[in-house]
Amino acid sequence: MKILISTDIEGVAGVFHVEQTRAGNGEYERARAWMTAEANAAVQGAFAGGAAEVLVNDSHGGFRNLLPDQLDERARLVLGKPRYLGMMSGLEEGCGAVLMVGYHSRAQGRGVLAHTINSFAFARVRLSGMELGEAGLYGALAGELGVPVLMASGDDVFIAETRPLFAQAEWVQTKVAHGQGSGVTLSPAASRKAIAQAAERAVRAALSRKGADKVEPFRIPGPIECQLQTQSTALADLFCTWPTLERVDGVTLRFTADTVQAAIRTLNSLSAMSFMLR
């Protein structure tokens, strides 16, 4: 089985402040090293569980945070943007399962550094009535391609809101959220150990399953109505210059997409548009 590891930074052990997630300062450099180490832990666990090949997707911000010279040499690395599948890039190569490392809770949640795609622009995202964060959106994209999520790591709020979507997945709680920028964290070493163990269990269990016992992907059938609540009326004004978007109220708009992939690509395009107002 070929495994895709999608790695974000906000759910990594020791990360609590926005400075740790943005390039240009020493705190970020340390955090990206912790991010790379947690990705490596998942790589090690996946191979120990029987994976034949592993791809690691850098899924944070500009998608160029992981340190290639520090990555486990058995893995290949997906870097840079733009890319059509975003946080699930690599699935094009025939991956059979996804591990999510360092993920965070959705916008308006109480998790550490909670947001959905774009903290400046997006307040809430719903697909077919379901409010989803990045894990739900991209887990549904993977599911649309027939690929299940086997494992995910992040804080307790992220796990509580996401567990119902991936009922058969392994979970690693890297920290307990006390608020947007505070909480109690595992040490980086303890977090890496837990991630490696969970990844090994998840991959080994998936390879041992047959037929009806296989892990079912999370799917949202089309057509899909996407409802987006923005962070300001100015953003809704801007986004609704797109002719196919319909204004619902001062800060809310909606559109219909045939697939999850089309919905996410639209959301990512709107996110890029939002930089006009920064």
Protein backbone atom coordinates (compact mmCIF):
# COMPACT_ATOMS: atom_id res chain seq x y z
CA MET A 1 0.00 0.00 0.00
CA LYS A 2 1.17 3.52 -0.87
CA ILE A 3 0.51 6.01 1.97
CA LEU A 4 0.06 9.78 1.80
CA ILE A 5 1.00 11.72 4.94
CA SER A 6 -0.54 15.21 4.97
CA THR A 7 1.31 17.41 7.46
CA ASP A 8 0.11 20.71 8.92
CA ILE A 9 1.81 22.71 11.69
CA GLU A 10 -0.83 24.07 14.10
CA GLY A 11 -1.47 20.65 15.67
CA VAL A 12 2.21 19.85 16.19
CA ALA A 13 3.32 19.46 19.82
CA GLY A 14 4.76 22.70 21.21
CA VAL A 15 3.05 25.01 18.67
CA PHE A 16 0.71 27.60 20.23
CA HIS A 17 1.39 31.01 18.68
CA VAL A 18 0.93 32.36 15.16
CA GLU A 19 4.61 33.42 15.05
CA GLN A 20 5.50 29.73 15.14
CA THR A 21 3.54 29.18 11.92
CA ARG A 22 4.88 32.04 9.79
CA ALA A 23 8.26 32.32 8.11
CA GLY A 24 10.70 35.07 9.04
CA ASN A 25 11.46 34.42 12.68
CA GLY A 26 13.34 31.99 14.89
CA GLU A 27 10.24 30.50 16.48
CA TYR A 28 9.01 29.39 13.06
CA GLU A 29 12.33 27.74 12.28
CA ARG A 30 12.08 25.65 15.44
CA ALA A 31 8.42 24.80 14.79
CA ARG A 32 9.07 23.69 11.20
CA ALA A 33 11.77 21.36 12.54
CA TRP A 34 9.22 19.86 14.98
CA MET A 35 6.76 19.57 12.08
CA THR A 36 9.35 17.71 10.01
CA ALA A 37 10.14 15.41 12.92
CA GLU A 38 6.45 14.53 13.40
CA ALA A 39 6.17 13.81 9.67
CA ASN A 40 9.18 11.53 9.98
CA ALA A 41 7.56 9.73 12.91
CA ALA A 42 4.53 9.00 10.73
CA VAL A 43 6.81 7.84 7.89
CA GLN A 44 8.62 5.48 10.23
CA GLY A 45 5.37 4.11 11.61
CA ALA A 46 3.86 3.65 8.15
CA PHE A 47 6.81 1.63 6.93
CA ALA A 48 6.88 -0.40 10.14
CA GLY A 49 3.19 -1.19 9.55
CA GLY A 50 3.89 -2.53 6.07
CA ALA A 51 3.61 0.43 3.71
CA ALA A 52 5.33 -0.13 0.37
CA GLU A 53 5.80 3.57 -0.37
CA VAL A 54 5.21 6.86 1.46
CA LEU A 55 4.63 10.38 0.17
CA VAL A 56 4.68 13.37 2.55
CA ASN A 57 2.57 16.40 1.62
CA ASP A 58 3.63 19.75 3.10
CA SER A 59 0.13 21.07 3.82
CA HIS A 60 0.74 24.33 5.69
CA GLY A 61 0.53 27.87 4.33
CA GLY A 62 2.70 28.22 1.23
CA PHE A 63 3.31 24.45 1.28
CA ARG A 64 7.08 24.81 1.69
CA ASN A 65 7.76 24.40 5.39
CA LEU A 66 9.13 20.88 5.77
CA LEU A 67 12.90 20.50 5.67
CA PRO A 68 13.76 18.18 2.76
CA ASP A 69 17.26 17.44 4.05
CA GLN A 70 15.78 16.26 7.36
CA LEU A 71 13.09 14.02 5.87
CA ASP A 72 13.33 10.23 6.14
CA GLU A 73 15.13 9.27 2.94
CA ARG A 74 12.62 6.50 2.19
CA ALA A 75 9.84 9.04 1.65
CA ARG A 76 9.13 11.46 -1.20
CA LEU A 77 8.02 15.03 -0.53
CA VAL A 78 5.18 17.07 -2.10
CA LEU A 79 6.04 20.79 -1.93
CA GLY A 80 4.84 24.12 -3.32
CA LYS A 81 1.72 25.68 -4.80
CA PRO A 82 -0.59 26.15 -6.63
CA ARG A 83 -1.89 22.59 -6.70
CA TYR A 84 -5.35 21.30 -7.50
CA LEU A 85 -5.67 18.85 -4.60
CA GLY A 86 -4.13 21.14 -1.97
CA MET A 87 -3.58 19.27 1.28
CA MET A 88 -4.29 15.98 -0.50
CA SER A 89 -1.78 16.41 -3.32
CA GLY A 90 -0.04 13.11 -3.83
CA LEU A 91 -3.25 11.14 -4.16
CA GLU A 92 -2.78 11.50 -7.93
CA GLU A 93 -0.03 8.90 -7.59
CA GLY A 94 -2.34 6.14 -6.47
CA CYS A 95 -2.11 6.31 -2.69
CA GLY A 96 -4.39 3.92 -0.84
CA ALA A 97 -4.71 5.72 2.49
CA VAL A 98 -4.05 9.04 4.24
CA LEU A 99 -2.45 9.90 7.58
CA MET A 100 -3.06 13.45 8.86
CA VAL A 101 -0.32 14.89 11.08
CA GLY A 102 -0.39 18.21 12.96
CA TYR A 103 -3.99 19.13 12.07
CA HIS A 104 -6.14 21.65 13.96
CA SER A 105 -9.78 22.40 14.73
CA ARG A 106 -12.08 24.39 12.49
CA ALA A 107 -12.74 28.14 12.48
CA GLN A 108 -14.84 29.43 15.40
CA GLY A 109 -13.75 26.41 17.44
CA ARG A 110 -11.86 26.56 20.74
CA GLY A 111 -8.82 24.65 19.59
CA VAL A 112 -5.26 25.93 19.39
CA LEU A 113 -4.85 28.24 16.36
CA ALA A 114 -8.26 27.12 15.06
CA HIS A 115 -9.14 28.20 11.52
CA THR A 116 -10.38 26.85 8.20
CA ILE A 117 -8.15 27.43 5.16
CA ASN A 118 -7.83 31.19 5.68
CA SER A 119 -8.14 32.75 9.13
CA PHE A 120 -8.40 36.27 7.68
CA ALA A 121 -11.27 35.48 5.32
CA PHE A 122 -13.29 32.42 6.36
CA ALA A 123 -15.41 32.15 9.51
CA ARG A 124 -17.42 28.99 8.71
CA VAL A 125 -17.55 26.50 5.83
CA ARG A 126 -20.44 24.07 5.30
CA LEU A 127 -20.73 21.39 2.63
CA SER A 128 -24.25 20.00 2.20
CA GLY A 129 -25.14 21.35 5.64
CA MET A 130 -22.10 19.93 7.47
CA GLU A 131 -19.76 22.43 9.11
CA LEU A 132 -16.24 21.24 8.36
CA GLY A 133 -12.68 22.20 9.05
CA GLU A 134 -9.68 21.37 6.92
CA ALA A 135 -9.59 17.74 8.03
CA GLY A 136 -13.25 17.24 7.10
CA LEU A 137 -12.95 19.05 3.78
CA TYR A 138 -9.82 17.25 2.68
CA GLY A 139 -10.90 13.94 4.19
CA ALA A 140 -14.01 14.21 2.02
CA LEU A 141 -11.82 14.99 -1.00
CA ALA A 142 -9.78 11.85 -0.29
CA GLY A 143 -13.01 9.89 0.20
CA GLU A 144 -14.31 11.10 -3.15
CA LEU A 145 -11.24 9.43 -4.66
CA GLY A 146 -11.93 6.27 -2.67
CA VAL A 147 -9.15 6.85 -0.12
CA PRO A 148 -9.76 6.59 3.65
CA VAL A 149 -8.11 8.49 6.51
CA LEU A 150 -6.39 5.98 8.79
CA MET A 151 -4.83 8.26 11.41
CA ALA A 152 -4.86 11.89 12.57
CA SER A 153 -3.00 13.92 15.19
CA GLY A 154 -3.75 17.26 16.82
CA ASP A 155 -5.28 18.77 19.95
CA ASP A 156 -8.26 17.46 21.91
CA VAL A 157 -10.75 19.90 20.31
CA PHE A 158 -9.69 18.84 16.82
CA ILE A 159 -10.11 15.18 17.73
CA ALA A 160 -13.54 15.66 19.32
CA GLU A 161 -14.98 17.46 16.29
CA THR A 162 -13.34 15.22 13.67
CA ARG A 163 -13.59 11.73 15.16
CA PRO A 164 -17.20 11.20 13.95
CA LEU A 165 -16.07 11.66 10.34
CA PHE A 166 -13.35 8.99 10.49
CA ALA A 167 -14.79 6.47 12.91
CA GLN A 168 -12.19 3.76 12.25
CA ALA A 169 -9.12 5.99 12.42
CA GLU A 170 -6.33 6.04 15.01
CA TRP A 171 -6.00 9.31 16.96
CA VAL A 172 -3.02 10.99 18.62
CA GLN A 173 -3.69 13.86 21.04
CA THR A 174 -0.60 16.05 20.93
CA LYS A 175 -1.96 18.70 23.30
CA VAL A 176 -4.97 19.92 25.28
CA ALA A 177 -6.36 23.28 24.19
CA HIS A 178 -7.13 25.86 26.86
CA GLY A 179 -7.83 28.49 24.23
CA GLN A 180 -6.73 29.85 20.87
CA GLY A 181 -3.16 30.29 22.03
CA SER A 182 -2.75 28.27 25.21
CA GLY A 183 -2.86 24.73 26.54
CA VAL A 184 -0.84 21.76 27.71
CA THR A 185 1.38 19.92 25.24
CA LEU A 186 3.27 16.67 25.00
CA SER A 187 7.00 17.05 24.55
CA PRO A 188 8.08 16.79 20.90
CA ALA A 189 9.74 13.46 21.67
CA ALA A 190 6.62 12.01 23.30
CA SER A 191 4.46 13.24 20.44
CA ARG A 192 6.75 11.65 17.85
CA LYS A 193 6.66 8.34 19.69
CA ALA A 194 2.86 8.34 19.88
CA ILE A 195 2.51 9.26 16.19
CA ALA A 196 4.90 6.52 15.08
CA GLN A 197 3.03 3.93 17.12
CA ALA A 198 -0.38 5.05 15.87
CA ALA A 199 0.76 5.14 12.24
CA GLU A 200 2.15 1.62 12.53
CA ARG A 201 -1.07 0.31 14.08
CA ALA A 202 -3.25 2.06 11.52
CA VAL A 203 -1.36 0.84 8.45
CA ARG A 204 -0.93 -2.68 9.80
CA ALA A 205 -4.65 -2.91 10.59
CA ALA A 206 -5.63 -1.58 7.16
CA LEU A 207 -3.41 -4.12 5.41
CA SER A 208 -4.90 -6.95 7.46
CA ARG A 209 -8.50 -6.08 6.55
CA LYS A 210 -10.35 -7.68 3.65
CA GLY A 211 -13.69 -7.20 1.96
CA ALA A 212 -16.40 -5.85 4.25
CA ASP A 213 -13.84 -5.12 6.97
CA LYS A 214 -12.08 -2.45 4.92
CA VAL A 215 -12.00 1.12 6.24
CA GLU A 216 -14.77 3.12 4.60
CA PRO A 217 -13.79 6.55 3.24
CA PHE A 218 -15.71 9.64 4.34
CA ARG A 219 -17.83 10.70 1.37
CA ILE A 220 -20.13 13.63 0.59
CA PRO A 221 -22.19 12.86 -2.53
CA GLY A 222 -22.74 15.53 -5.14
CA PRO A 223 -24.15 17.88 -6.09
CA ILE A 224 -22.85 19.82 -3.10
CA GLU A 225 -24.09 23.14 -1.77
CA CYS A 226 -21.24 25.05 -0.17
CA GLN A 227 -22.12 27.84 2.26
CA LEU A 228 -19.32 30.16 3.27
CA GLN A 229 -19.51 32.67 6.12
CA THR A 230 -16.85 35.32 5.70
CA GLN A 231 -15.09 37.37 8.35
CA SER A 232 -16.49 40.68 7.03
CA THR A 233 -19.03 42.16 4.65
CA ALA A 234 -16.17 43.55 2.57
CA LEU A 235 -14.96 40.01 1.91
CA ALA A 236 -18.46 38.88 0.94
CA ASP A 237 -18.68 41.88 -1.40
CA LEU A 238 -15.41 40.87 -3.02
CA PHE A 239 -16.21 37.18 -3.36
CA CYS A 240 -19.63 37.84 -4.88
CA THR A 241 -18.04 39.57 -7.85
CA TRP A 242 -17.71 35.92 -8.93
CA PRO A 243 -20.96 35.57 -10.97
CA THR A 244 -21.90 32.06 -9.82
CA LEU A 245 -21.82 32.93 -6.12
CA GLU A 246 -25.10 33.89 -4.45
CA ARG A 247 -25.26 36.30 -1.51
CA VAL A 248 -27.25 34.94 1.45
CA ASP A 249 -26.76 37.81 3.92
CA GLY A 250 -24.17 40.42 4.82
CA VAL A 251 -21.38 37.94 5.45
CA THR A 252 -22.64 34.68 3.93
CA LEU A 253 -22.61 33.36 0.38
CA ARG A 254 -23.27 30.03 -1.29
CA PHE A 255 -22.56 28.12 -4.46
CA THR A 256 -23.14 24.64 -5.86
CA ALA A 257 -20.40 22.26 -6.96
CA ASP A 258 -20.64 18.87 -8.64
CA THR A 259 -17.82 17.42 -6.53
CA VAL A 260 -15.92 18.02 -3.29
CA GLN A 261 -12.82 18.72 -5.34
CA ALA A 262 -14.63 21.48 -7.24
CA ALA A 263 -15.91 22.99 -3.99
CA ILE A 264 -12.44 23.03 -2.42
CA ARG A 265 -10.84 24.47 -5.53
CA THR A 266 -13.42 27.27 -5.45
CA LEU A 267 -12.75 27.92 -1.75
CA ASN A 268 -9.01 28.05 -2.37
CA SER A 269 -9.54 30.49 -5.23
CA LEU A 270 -11.63 32.72 -2.94
CA SER A 271 -8.89 32.50 -0.33
CA ALA A 272 -6.40 33.77 -2.89
CA MET A 273 -8.80 36.61 -3.85
CA SER A 274 -8.96 37.72 -0.22
CA PHE A 275 -5.38 39.03 -0.36
CA MET A 276 -6.77 42.03 -2.30
CA LEU A 277 -8.21 43.29 1.01
CA ARG A 278 -5.26 42.68 3.31
